[in-house]
């Protein structure tokens, strides 16, 4: 019955209040429609009874059919050997397994008893394990929501960790082990974990230990014969207590035959590290995070870096933190003086970070020849004498870097900080990049020790923007990332992306200013065609945007990366 046929249709959807006479009229109008509705409801009830009867018959037959269908399920007929391979494929590939029922291998045992039996009988599922101290907590607010479980010192679940580790690794049979430890497991109730791990040292293949000296000192007793399968090791020293026995890196004998070594720690003299440099294929060295004020805390000098390249004839990947201060040069003596020109035909990845003088930077580049290099990272801050005001501090000459880049015809990826260079020289650096480059990442944030000098603007971004009728700069570029730009405009970014749309697959930008344009909306067609675009703005210098939930329990659900305003918010 159409509502427009009602004499009151003009009053529908308003706040009109009918008079007593109109109320009587409305009630009279509704007598017949209400009777029709009741009749329809009765018909629906009758039909529903018929449907329920048919549904009950269907369910009765289904209760007979379904168990038989289950028996015919293809997954039941997969051989156990194949299922084991499928289980192994469920493991994380970029890290070790964790003690959590949210992922394999524990999750696999929660599906059914057959899967639990098979998973427990598949040693490779249990050959990797990450062990974390209960006291470890994330320090970044943005990560709070990821930590769902917390243990107190007297929590009985935490006391179960040694038993879990023992059971987990016992299931691994004789498989080589990949173990990572983060935190202090030398105190009750987890002090037995280290004993369990040491009894299985003969099966260590890849180990990562981030721990205090009390833990690392237990490794000194191991020899190469005790760890015959060991291929890679990461040792990171942290959190020293007043009563800790200092860890003496020179006494670490187990490194002698390892080919992949990463070390972070205090009192580390690289020249006396117990490795066979001629066997190394990967080497990484850093100072302790948060220990930047201490010179000689394990960082290499430029001369030391060149010496390492010279001595490591099999090296493929090198990652070093440089400290070229006079104090560190005294702490880090050289076993042998490297030649003026250090050539390495096999090195493919070079990662250099730290604090360096302009002269030392030029010396490093002029004396290093690595023609097979494919990945290059320079994250450096220029060491400046205190007499220079920040805005007048000298910059690094680009000539050495330009010459160095000219020798890298196979370079595919580069990550550079630009604050140590004069802004006017950045275009020259970009033009010197080889045509083989596929990934370009620039950190253009101003150096806080050098004032607010900006080193990136629209004109510099235009250097990599193709122009009609001209050769395309960096024709192989697929990935572009720029962090911290205060002066590049949204318009220039859009122009660059549109001009490079045929090859460009991923763009990630972080602006230290407010948003100018809706970049996602402008580039919607390209995003639909597969472009991965991530754009953040740090508005008005605030550390993070205003969030109405701040201080409430729901805040954890609403947190976004500090200082980041997503483009599509």
Protein backbone atom coordinates (compact mmCIF):
# COMPACT_ATOMS: atom_id res chain seq x y z
CA UNK A 1 0.00 0.00 0.00
CA UNK A 2 1.84 3.16 -1.20
CA UNK A 3 2.32 5.78 1.49
CA UNK A 4 1.56 8.61 -0.95
CA UNK A 5 -2.13 7.51 -0.93
CA UNK A 6 -2.42 8.47 2.73
CA UNK A 7 -4.02 11.83 3.55
CA UNK A 8 -1.22 12.27 6.07
CA UNK A 9 1.72 11.63 3.68
CA UNK A 10 2.80 15.29 3.84
CA UNK A 11 3.34 14.90 7.58
CA UNK A 12 5.61 11.81 7.33
CA UNK A 13 9.20 12.42 8.42
CA UNK A 14 8.31 15.58 10.37
CA UNK A 15 7.75 16.38 14.04
CA UNK A 16 4.03 17.04 13.43
CA UNK A 17 1.74 16.08 16.34
CA UNK A 18 -1.79 15.05 15.20
CA UNK A 19 -4.92 16.39 16.85
CA UNK A 20 -7.37 14.15 18.71
CA UNK A 21 -9.62 14.02 15.66
CA UNK A 22 -6.68 13.10 13.43
CA UNK A 23 -5.61 10.39 15.86
CA UNK A 24 -9.03 8.77 15.53
CA UNK A 25 -8.84 9.07 11.73
CA UNK A 26 -5.36 7.47 11.64
CA UNK A 27 -6.50 4.55 13.78
CA UNK A 28 -9.45 3.98 11.48
CA UNK A 29 -7.12 4.01 8.46
CA UNK A 30 -4.91 1.31 10.02
CA UNK A 31 -7.59 -1.28 10.86
CA UNK A 32 -7.60 -3.02 7.46
CA UNK A 33 -3.78 -2.83 6.85
CA UNK A 34 -3.09 -4.27 10.30
CA UNK A 35 -5.42 -7.19 9.58
CA UNK A 36 -3.61 -7.86 6.30
CA UNK A 37 -0.23 -7.82 8.10
CA UNK A 38 -1.49 -10.35 10.64
CA UNK A 39 -2.69 -12.60 7.83
CA UNK A 40 0.67 -12.42 6.11
CA UNK A 41 2.47 -13.23 9.37
CA UNK A 42 0.28 -16.33 9.76
CA UNK A 43 1.18 -17.48 6.23
CA UNK A 44 4.89 -16.91 6.94
CA UNK A 45 4.62 -19.00 10.12
CA UNK A 46 3.01 -21.87 8.19
CA UNK A 47 5.68 -21.71 5.51
CA UNK A 48 8.42 -21.58 8.16
CA UNK A 49 7.09 -24.78 9.71
CA UNK A 50 7.35 -26.48 6.32
CA UNK A 51 10.87 -25.12 5.82
CA UNK A 52 11.91 -26.27 9.30
CA UNK A 53 10.61 -29.76 8.55
CA UNK A 54 12.59 -29.96 5.29
CA UNK A 55 15.68 -28.50 6.98
CA UNK A 56 15.48 -31.10 9.75
CA UNK A 57 15.31 -33.87 7.14
CA UNK A 58 18.31 -32.34 5.35
CA UNK A 59 20.31 -32.15 8.58
CA UNK A 60 19.48 -35.76 9.38
CA UNK A 61 20.78 -36.94 6.02
CA UNK A 62 23.73 -34.57 6.30
CA UNK A 63 24.78 -36.10 9.61
CA UNK A 64 25.20 -39.38 7.71
CA UNK A 65 26.90 -37.88 4.65
CA UNK A 66 29.35 -35.49 6.34
CA UNK A 67 31.53 -38.07 8.15
CA UNK A 68 31.90 -39.94 4.88
CA UNK A 69 32.79 -36.70 3.08
CA UNK A 70 35.42 -36.07 5.74
CA UNK A 71 36.97 -39.45 4.98
CA UNK A 72 37.24 -38.42 1.32
CA UNK A 73 39.02 -35.13 2.17
CA UNK A 74 42.15 -34.89 -0.03
CA UNK A 75 44.34 -33.67 2.83
CA UNK A 76 43.79 -36.99 4.64
CA UNK A 77 45.40 -38.83 1.73
CA UNK A 78 48.53 -36.68 1.58
CA UNK A 79 51.53 -38.79 2.64
CA UNK A 80 53.07 -37.87 5.98
CA UNK A 81 56.34 -36.97 4.24
CA UNK A 82 54.54 -34.41 2.07
CA UNK A 83 52.61 -33.01 5.02
CA UNK A 84 55.88 -32.57 6.88
CA UNK A 85 57.22 -30.50 3.99
CA UNK A 86 54.05 -28.40 4.03
CA UNK A 87 54.48 -27.86 7.76
CA UNK A 88 58.08 -26.75 7.28
CA UNK A 89 56.94 -24.29 4.60
CA UNK A 90 54.73 -22.65 7.26
CA UNK A 91 57.75 -21.56 9.32
CA UNK A 92 58.93 -17.94 9.23
CA UNK A 93 61.82 -17.50 6.81
CA UNK A 94 63.23 -14.16 8.03
CA UNK A 95 63.68 -15.05 11.70
CA UNK A 96 63.59 -17.90 14.18
CA UNK A 97 60.39 -19.43 15.52
CA UNK A 98 58.92 -18.04 18.72
CA UNK A 99 57.19 -19.67 21.68
CA UNK A 100 53.69 -18.69 20.58
CA UNK A 101 50.58 -20.63 19.63
CA UNK A 102 49.81 -17.92 17.07
CA UNK A 103 52.25 -19.36 14.54
CA UNK A 104 54.02 -22.54 13.48
CA UNK A 105 55.18 -24.90 14.78
CA UNK A 106 53.02 -24.71 17.93
CA UNK A 107 49.94 -23.61 15.99
CA UNK A 108 50.10 -26.74 13.80
CA UNK A 109 49.71 -28.93 16.88
CA UNK A 110 46.51 -27.13 17.87
CA UNK A 111 44.56 -28.26 14.78
CA UNK A 112 44.05 -31.96 15.56
CA UNK A 113 45.77 -34.85 17.29
CA UNK A 114 47.09 -36.25 13.99
CA UNK A 115 48.76 -32.98 13.09
CA UNK A 116 50.14 -32.66 16.61
CA UNK A 117 51.68 -36.13 16.40
CA UNK A 118 53.14 -35.41 12.96
CA UNK A 119 54.50 -31.99 13.93
CA UNK A 120 56.21 -33.41 17.02
CA UNK A 121 57.79 -36.08 14.80
CA UNK A 122 59.16 -33.54 12.27
CA UNK A 123 62.58 -32.43 13.61
CA UNK A 124 63.04 -29.53 11.19
CA UNK A 125 60.01 -27.77 12.67
CA UNK A 126 61.86 -27.44 15.97
CA UNK A 127 65.35 -26.62 14.71
CA UNK A 128 64.96 -22.85 15.17
CA UNK A 129 64.01 -20.98 18.32
CA UNK A 130 63.98 -17.42 19.62
CA UNK A 131 64.33 -17.03 23.39
CA UNK A 132 63.54 -13.65 24.93
CA UNK A 133 63.97 -12.45 28.49
CA UNK A 134 60.70 -11.62 30.23
CA UNK A 135 62.08 -8.21 31.23
CA UNK A 136 62.57 -7.10 27.63
CA UNK A 137 60.02 -4.43 26.74
CA UNK A 138 59.58 -2.29 23.65
CA UNK A 139 60.59 1.33 24.21
CA UNK A 140 58.74 2.76 21.21
CA UNK A 141 55.13 3.73 22.02
CA UNK A 142 54.04 2.54 18.58
CA UNK A 143 54.94 -1.04 19.50
CA UNK A 144 52.97 -1.27 22.74
CA UNK A 145 50.02 -2.98 21.13
CA UNK A 146 52.20 -5.82 19.83
CA UNK A 147 53.09 -7.04 23.33
CA UNK A 148 50.18 -9.01 24.72
CA UNK A 149 51.90 -11.09 27.41
CA UNK A 150 53.99 -9.87 30.32
CA UNK A 151 55.63 -11.98 33.00
CA UNK A 152 56.59 -10.93 36.50
CA UNK A 153 59.63 -12.43 38.19
CA UNK A 154 57.47 -14.85 40.17
CA UNK A 155 55.13 -15.76 37.31
CA UNK A 156 55.00 -19.58 37.08
CA UNK A 157 54.79 -19.39 33.28
CA UNK A 158 58.22 -17.80 33.16
CA UNK A 159 59.64 -20.56 35.33
CA UNK A 160 58.47 -23.01 32.65
CA UNK A 161 60.73 -21.50 29.97
CA UNK A 162 63.75 -23.81 30.58
CA UNK A 163 61.51 -26.86 30.30
CA UNK A 164 59.93 -25.52 27.12
CA UNK A 165 63.37 -24.88 25.60
CA UNK A 166 64.51 -28.39 26.54
CA UNK A 167 61.40 -30.03 25.04
CA UNK A 168 61.47 -27.84 21.92
CA UNK A 169 65.09 -28.58 21.06
CA UNK A 170 64.75 -32.27 21.96
CA UNK A 171 62.18 -32.55 19.17
CA UNK A 172 64.75 -31.22 16.68
CA UNK A 173 66.56 -34.55 16.66
CA UNK A 174 70.01 -34.09 15.14
CA UNK A 175 69.12 -31.13 12.89
CA UNK A 176 71.47 -28.14 12.80
CA UNK A 177 70.09 -25.42 15.08
CA UNK A 178 69.31 -21.76 14.56
CA UNK A 179 69.08 -20.05 17.96
CA UNK A 180 68.56 -16.43 18.95
CA UNK A 181 68.58 -15.10 22.50
CA UNK A 182 67.67 -11.60 23.63
CA UNK A 183 67.91 -10.60 27.26
CA UNK A 184 69.34 -11.83 30.51
CA UNK A 185 68.85 -15.57 30.99
CA UNK A 186 71.63 -15.96 33.55
CA UNK A 187 69.41 -15.35 36.59
CA UNK A 188 66.61 -17.44 38.14
CA UNK A 189 64.34 -18.88 37.00
CA UNK A 190 65.85 -19.13 33.50
CA UNK A 191 69.52 -19.60 34.34
CA UNK A 192 69.33 -23.22 33.19
CA UNK A 193 68.56 -22.16 29.61
CA UNK A 194 72.21 -21.37 28.88
CA UNK A 195 73.22 -24.82 30.15
CA UNK A 196 70.70 -26.40 27.80
CA UNK A 197 72.03 -24.39 24.87
CA UNK A 198 75.66 -25.20 25.64
CA UNK A 199 74.94 -28.95 25.68
CA UNK A 200 73.71 -28.57 22.10
CA UNK A 201 76.58 -26.36 20.86
CA UNK A 202 77.74 -29.12 18.51
CA UNK A 203 74.56 -28.56 16.48
CA UNK A 204 74.65 -24.74 16.38
CA UNK A 205 74.54 -23.51 12.79
CA UNK A 206 73.24 -19.93 13.12
CA UNK A 207 73.22 -18.18 16.50
CA UNK A 208 72.36 -14.65 17.62
CA UNK A 209 73.04 -13.66 21.21
CA UNK A 210 72.07 -10.20 22.49
CA UNK A 211 72.97 -10.39 26.16
CA UNK A 212 75.09 -9.18 29.05
CA UNK A 213 78.68 -10.21 29.68
CA UNK A 214 77.50 -12.81 32.19
CA UNK A 215 76.00 -14.75 29.28
CA UNK A 216 78.70 -14.02 26.70
CA UNK A 217 81.47 -15.11 29.07
CA UNK A 218 80.06 -18.63 28.97
CA UNK A 219 80.94 -18.76 25.27
CA UNK A 220 84.65 -18.31 25.95
CA UNK A 221 84.95 -21.96 26.97
CA UNK A 222 83.90 -23.11 23.48
CA UNK A 223 86.44 -24.01 20.80
CA UNK A 224 85.98 -24.54 17.04
CA UNK A 225 85.80 -28.28 17.74
CA UNK A 226 82.81 -27.69 20.02
CA UNK A 227 80.85 -25.88 17.27
CA UNK A 228 81.73 -27.79 14.07
CA UNK A 229 78.52 -26.75 12.22
CA UNK A 230 78.61 -23.06 13.13
CA UNK A 231 78.31 -20.87 10.02
CA UNK A 232 77.05 -17.53 11.32
CA UNK A 233 77.13 -15.80 14.68
CA UNK A 234 75.86 -12.45 15.96
CA UNK A 235 77.08 -11.28 19.36
CA UNK A 236 75.67 -8.07 20.79
CA UNK A 237 76.73 -6.96 24.24
CA UNK A 238 74.38 -4.75 26.25
CA UNK A 239 73.08 -3.79 29.69
CA UNK A 240 76.19 -4.18 31.82
CA UNK A 241 75.77 -4.28 35.61
CA UNK A 242 78.33 -3.10 38.14
CA UNK A 243 79.18 -6.66 39.19
CA UNK A 244 79.48 -8.12 35.69
CA UNK A 245 82.80 -9.70 34.78
CA UNK A 246 84.01 -7.83 31.66
CA UNK A 247 83.75 -9.79 28.46
CA UNK A 248 87.14 -10.18 26.77
CA UNK A 249 86.58 -10.49 23.04
CA UNK A 250 90.18 -11.62 22.48
CA UNK A 251 89.43 -14.87 24.35
CA UNK A 252 86.61 -15.90 22.02
CA UNK A 253 88.10 -18.93 20.26
CA UNK A 254 84.91 -20.33 18.72
CA UNK A 255 84.98 -17.75 15.88
CA UNK A 256 88.03 -19.23 14.19
CA UNK A 257 86.18 -21.17 11.46
CA UNK A 258 82.99 -19.12 11.20
CA UNK A 259 82.35 -17.41 7.85
CA UNK A 260 79.59 -14.97 8.90
CA UNK A 261 80.37 -12.81 11.96
CA UNK A 262 78.55 -9.81 13.45
CA UNK A 263 79.85 -8.20 16.66
CA UNK A 264 78.66 -5.32 18.83
CA UNK A 265 80.35 -4.54 22.12
CA UNK A 266 82.66 -2.58 24.38
CA UNK A 267 86.41 -3.03 24.63
CA UNK A 268 86.39 -4.67 21.21
CA UNK A 269 89.69 -4.39 19.36
CA UNK A 270 89.02 -5.61 15.84
CA UNK A 271 92.65 -6.45 15.12
CA UNK A 272 92.63 -8.95 17.99
CA UNK A 273 89.24 -10.51 17.27
CA UNK A 274 89.67 -14.28 17.06
CA UNK A 275 88.45 -14.78 13.50
CA UNK A 276 90.17 -16.14 10.43
CA UNK A 277 89.78 -13.10 8.19
CA UNK A 278 90.58 -15.12 5.07
CA UNK A 279 87.46 -17.28 5.62
CA UNK A 280 84.93 -14.51 6.23
CA UNK A 281 82.22 -13.96 3.64
CA UNK A 282 80.14 -11.61 5.83
CA UNK A 283 81.36 -9.28 8.58
CA UNK A 284 79.47 -6.66 10.57
CA UNK A 285 80.66 -4.42 13.39
CA UNK A 286 78.79 -1.81 15.43
CA UNK A 287 79.21 0.04 18.67
CA UNK A 288 76.69 -0.56 21.45
CA UNK A 289 73.44 1.35 20.79
CA UNK A 290 73.26 4.40 23.04
CA UNK A 291 77.03 4.31 23.58
CA UNK A 292 77.79 7.05 21.04
CA UNK A 293 79.57 9.26 23.56
CA UNK A 294 82.31 6.69 24.10
CA UNK A 295 85.06 6.67 21.53
CA UNK A 296 86.79 3.37 21.00
CA UNK A 297 83.67 1.35 21.83
CA UNK A 298 84.23 -1.22 19.11
CA UNK A 299 84.00 0.93 15.99
CA UNK A 300 86.48 0.70 13.13
CA UNK A 301 88.71 3.48 11.82
CA UNK A 302 89.00 4.24 8.11
CA UNK A 303 92.41 2.59 8.08
CA UNK A 304 90.94 -0.36 9.94
CA UNK A 305 88.10 -0.66 7.43
CA UNK A 306 90.56 -0.73 4.54
CA UNK A 307 92.65 -3.32 6.38
CA UNK A 308 89.59 -5.55 6.86
CA UNK A 309 88.74 -5.37 3.15
CA UNK A 310 92.36 -6.17 2.31
CA UNK A 311 92.54 -9.20 4.63
CA UNK A 312 89.12 -10.72 3.83
CA UNK A 313 89.72 -12.23 0.42
CA UNK A 314 86.35 -14.09 0.41
CA UNK A 315 84.26 -11.19 1.71
CA UNK A 316 80.89 -10.59 0.04
CA UNK A 317 79.10 -8.37 2.58
CA UNK A 318 80.73 -5.79 4.86
CA UNK A 319 78.94 -3.59 7.40
CA UNK A 320 81.00 -1.26 9.61
CA UNK A 321 80.50 1.63 11.98
CA UNK A 322 83.31 4.15 11.54
CA UNK A 323 84.77 6.29 14.32
CA UNK A 324 87.80 8.15 13.00
CA UNK A 325 88.50 10.12 16.16
CA UNK A 326 92.06 10.25 17.46
CA UNK A 327 90.98 8.34 20.57
CA UNK A 328 89.58 5.47 18.54
CA UNK A 329 92.68 5.37 16.33
CA UNK A 330 94.70 4.70 19.48
CA UNK A 331 92.27 2.04 20.70
CA UNK A 332 92.08 0.26 17.33
CA UNK A 333 95.66 -0.57 16.26
CA UNK A 334 96.34 -2.09 12.85
CA UNK A 335 97.77 -5.56 12.46
CA UNK A 336 99.21 -4.47 9.15
CA UNK A 337 99.18 -1.25 7.15
CA UNK A 338 96.87 -1.57 4.14
CA UNK A 339 98.24 -0.58 0.73
CA UNK A 340 97.19 2.76 -0.75
CA UNK A 341 94.75 1.10 -3.16
CA UNK A 342 92.68 -1.73 -1.71
CA UNK A 343 90.99 -3.80 -4.42
CA UNK A 344 88.35 -6.42 -3.71
CA UNK A 345 86.82 -8.19 -6.73
CA UNK A 346 84.14 -10.10 -4.76
CA UNK A 347 82.57 -7.53 -2.41
CA UNK A 348 78.89 -7.02 -3.25
CA UNK A 349 77.42 -5.20 -0.25
CA UNK A 350 79.05 -2.29 1.61
CA UNK A 351 77.35 -0.59 4.58
CA UNK A 352 79.22 2.23 6.33
CA UNK A 353 77.79 4.33 9.16
CA UNK A 354 79.21 6.51 11.91
CA UNK A 355 81.14 9.75 12.36
CA UNK A 356 83.94 10.71 10.02
CA UNK A 357 86.00 13.69 8.88
CA UNK A 358 85.81 14.97 5.33
CA UNK A 359 89.45 14.04 4.72
CA UNK A 360 88.93 10.50 5.98
CA UNK A 361 85.83 10.07 3.82
CA UNK A 362 87.75 11.11 0.71
CA UNK A 363 90.61 8.79 1.69
CA UNK A 364 88.24 5.85 2.06
CA UNK A 365 86.71 6.40 -1.37
CA UNK A 366 89.97 7.13 -3.18
CA UNK A 367 91.65 3.99 -1.85
CA UNK A 368 88.81 1.49 -2.28
CA UNK A 369 88.09 -0.41 -5.51
CA UNK A 370 85.04 -2.71 -5.45
CA UNK A 371 83.86 -3.18 -9.06
CA UNK A 372 81.32 -5.95 -8.23
CA UNK A 373 79.45 -3.87 -5.65
CA UNK A 374 75.65 -4.03 -6.02
CA UNK A 375 74.46 -2.52 -2.71
CA UNK A 376 75.94 0.61 -1.11
CA UNK A 377 74.94 2.40 2.11
CA UNK A 378 76.65 5.51 3.51
CA UNK A 379 74.92 6.78 6.67
CA UNK A 380 77.52 9.24 7.92
CA UNK A 381 77.72 12.37 10.02
CA UNK A 382 80.59 14.71 9.38
CA UNK A 383 82.87 15.27 12.37
CA UNK A 384 83.17 19.08 12.71
CA UNK A 385 85.58 21.05 14.89
CA UNK A 386 83.74 22.89 17.72
CA UNK A 387 84.92 26.34 16.58
CA UNK A 388 82.61 26.22 13.55
CA UNK A 389 79.08 27.64 14.00
CA UNK A 390 76.56 25.02 12.77
CA UNK A 391 75.41 26.99 9.73
CA UNK A 392 79.00 27.72 8.67
CA UNK A 393 80.42 24.25 9.19
CA UNK A 394 82.36 22.85 6.23
CA UNK A 395 80.90 20.15 4.01
CA UNK A 396 82.33 17.05 2.38
CA UNK A 397 83.57 17.42 -1.17
CA UNK A 398 81.50 15.38 -3.60
CA UNK A 399 84.38 14.76 -6.00
CA UNK A 400 85.55 11.63 -4.21
CA UNK A 401 82.05 10.17 -4.05
CA UNK A 402 81.37 11.01 -7.71
CA UNK A 403 84.61 9.29 -8.75
CA UNK A 404 83.77 6.28 -6.57
CA UNK A 405 80.25 5.95 -8.01
CA UNK A 406 81.72 6.12 -11.49
CA UNK A 407 83.48 2.79 -10.84
CA UNK A 408 80.30 0.97 -9.77
CA UNK A 409 78.73 -0.07 -13.06
CA UNK A 410 76.79 -2.94 -11.39
CA UNK A 411 75.30 -0.93 -8.52
CA UNK A 412 71.62 -1.76 -7.94
CA UNK A 413 70.82 -0.13 -4.58
CA UNK A 414 72.13 2.95 -2.75
CA UNK A 415 71.18 4.59 0.56
CA UNK A 416 72.79 7.95 1.38
CA UNK A 417 72.58 10.66 3.99
CA UNK A 418 72.97 14.06 2.31
CA UNK A 419 73.43 16.49 5.22
CA UNK A 420 77.24 16.28 5.03
CA UNK A 421 77.24 17.61 1.46
CA UNK A 422 76.66 21.12 0.18
CA UNK A 423 73.07 21.29 -1.14
CA UNK A 424 74.24 22.59 -4.51
CA UNK A 425 76.35 19.46 -5.03
CA UNK A 426 73.53 16.92 -4.65
CA UNK A 427 72.54 17.06 -8.36
CA UNK A 428 76.07 16.07 -9.31
CA UNK A 429 75.86 13.02 -7.04
CA UNK A 430 72.53 11.97 -8.52
CA UNK A 431 73.81 12.37 -12.08
CA UNK A 432 76.82 10.18 -11.29
CA UNK A 433 74.67 7.20 -10.29
CA UNK A 434 74.97 4.31 -12.77
CA UNK A 435 72.16 3.31 -15.13
CA UNK A 436 71.95 -0.08 -13.38
CA UNK A 437 70.49 1.47 -10.20
CA UNK A 438 67.11 -0.01 -9.20
CA UNK A 439 66.66 1.34 -5.66
CA UNK A 440 67.42 4.89 -4.50
CA UNK A 441 67.02 5.93 -0.87
CA UNK A 442 68.03 9.36 0.41
CA UNK A 443 67.96 10.62 3.98
CA UNK A 444 67.74 14.38 3.54
CA UNK A 445 66.98 15.30 7.16
CA UNK A 446 69.12 18.25 8.31
CA UNK A 447 72.02 17.26 10.56
CA UNK A 448 71.12 18.54 14.07
CA UNK A 449 74.80 19.28 14.67
CA UNK A 450 75.02 21.45 11.57
CA UNK A 451 71.99 23.71 11.87
CA UNK A 452 68.86 23.55 9.72
CA UNK A 453 70.62 23.26 6.40
CA UNK A 454 68.27 21.66 3.91
CA UNK A 455 69.80 19.62 1.14
CA UNK A 456 66.82 18.73 -1.01
CA UNK A 457 64.27 20.74 -2.98
CA UNK A 458 62.15 20.50 -6.12
CA UNK A 459 65.04 21.32 -8.41
CA UNK A 460 67.09 18.41 -7.10
CA UNK A 461 64.18 15.97 -7.41
CA UNK A 462 63.76 17.18 -10.98
CA UNK A 463 67.20 15.69 -11.70
CA UNK A 464 65.65 12.21 -11.66
CA UNK A 465 62.40 13.28 -13.37
CA UNK A 466 62.38 12.29 -17.07
CA UNK A 467 61.88 15.16 -19.52
CA UNK A 468 60.24 14.80 -22.96
CA UNK A 469 62.73 14.17 -25.74
CA UNK A 470 65.62 13.47 -23.35
CA UNK A 471 67.18 10.21 -22.10
CA UNK A 472 65.58 8.90 -18.91
CA UNK A 473 67.84 9.34 -15.87
CA UNK A 474 68.28 6.11 -13.91
CA UNK A 475 66.22 4.07 -16.41
CA UNK A 476 66.14 0.93 -14.21
CA UNK A 477 64.85 2.71 -11.08
CA UNK A 478 62.02 0.72 -9.46
CA UNK A 479 62.10 1.87 -5.82
CA UNK A 480 62.36 5.46 -4.55
CA UNK A 481 62.49 6.43 -0.87
CA UNK A 482 63.19 9.89 0.56
CA UNK A 483 63.15 10.54 4.32
CA UNK A 484 62.78 13.86 6.11
CA UNK A 485 62.47 16.40 3.32
CA UNK A 486 61.26 19.82 4.56
CA UNK A 487 61.27 21.60 1.21
CA UNK A 488 60.35 19.25 -1.61
CA UNK A 489 56.75 19.89 -2.69
CA UNK A 490 53.96 17.39 -3.14
CA UNK A 491 53.51 18.68 -6.68
CA UNK A 492 57.13 17.88 -7.61
CA UNK A 493 56.78 14.37 -6.18
CA UNK A 494 53.61 13.74 -8.19
CA UNK A 495 55.31 15.03 -11.33
CA UNK A 496 58.29 12.70 -10.82
CA UNK A 497 56.14 9.63 -10.14
CA UNK A 498 53.91 10.22 -13.16
CA UNK A 499 56.92 10.69 -15.42
CA UNK A 500 58.46 7.42 -14.16
CA UNK A 501 55.27 5.35 -13.98
CA UNK A 502 56.41 2.74 -16.50
CA UNK A 503 59.23 1.41 -14.27
CA UNK A 504 58.56 2.78 -10.79
CA UNK A 505 56.96 0.16 -8.53
CA UNK A 506 57.37 1.53 -5.00
CA UNK A 507 57.59 5.03 -3.52
CA UNK A 508 57.98 5.84 0.16
CA UNK A 509 58.19 9.48 1.30
CA UNK A 510 58.48 11.13 4.69
CA UNK A 511 57.99 14.90 4.75
CA UNK A 512 58.96 17.08 7.72
CA UNK A 513 56.12 19.49 6.98
CA UNK A 514 52.35 19.61 6.62
CA UNK A 515 50.54 18.04 3.69
CA UNK A 516 49.97 20.21 0.61
CA UNK A 517 48.05 17.89 -1.72
CA UNK A 518 46.21 14.60 -1.44
CA UNK A 519 48.91 12.59 -3.19
CA UNK A 520 47.04 9.29 -2.97
CA UNK A 521 44.02 10.80 -4.70
CA UNK A 522 46.17 12.38 -7.42
CA UNK A 523 47.91 9.07 -8.12
CA UNK A 524 44.87 6.80 -7.68
CA UNK A 525 45.08 5.34 -11.23
CA UNK A 526 48.74 4.38 -10.74
CA UNK A 527 48.01 2.86 -7.33
CA UNK A 528 45.21 0.82 -8.90
CA UNK A 529 47.71 -0.45 -11.47
CA UNK A 530 50.08 -1.70 -8.77
CA UNK A 531 52.14 1.27 -7.53
CA UNK A 532 53.00 0.86 -3.83
CA UNK A 533 52.81 4.35 -2.33
CA UNK A 534 53.50 5.27 1.29
CA UNK A 535 53.50 8.98 2.21
CA UNK A 536 53.81 10.51 5.67
CA UNK A 537 53.87 14.12 6.80
CA UNK A 538 55.20 15.40 10.12
CA UNK A 539 52.89 18.36 10.53
CA UNK A 540 54.20 21.61 11.99
CA UNK A 541 57.12 19.93 13.70
CA UNK A 542 54.87 18.04 16.12
CA UNK A 543 56.23 14.68 17.24
CA UNK A 544 52.87 13.09 16.41
CA UNK A 545 49.39 14.27 15.46
CA UNK A 546 46.65 15.03 17.96
CA UNK A 547 44.90 11.81 18.98
CA UNK A 548 41.62 12.14 20.95
CA UNK A 549 42.20 8.74 22.62
CA UNK A 550 45.49 9.89 24.23
CA UNK A 551 45.64 8.63 27.82
CA UNK A 552 42.81 6.10 27.42
CA UNK A 553 43.06 2.29 27.18
CA UNK A 554 41.99 2.44 23.52
CA UNK A 555 45.11 4.49 22.76
CA UNK A 556 47.07 1.32 22.04
CA UNK A 557 44.68 0.44 19.24
CA UNK A 558 44.88 3.91 17.74
CA UNK A 559 48.67 4.42 17.81
CA UNK A 560 50.37 5.20 14.50
CA UNK A 561 54.11 5.74 13.99
CA UNK A 562 55.24 8.78 16.03
CA UNK A 563 55.19 11.95 13.98
CA UNK A 564 53.57 10.32 11.00
CA UNK A 565 50.33 11.51 9.40
CA UNK A 566 49.23 8.88 6.86
CA UNK A 567 48.24 10.41 3.54
CA UNK A 568 44.85 8.73 3.53
CA UNK A 569 43.85 9.75 7.08
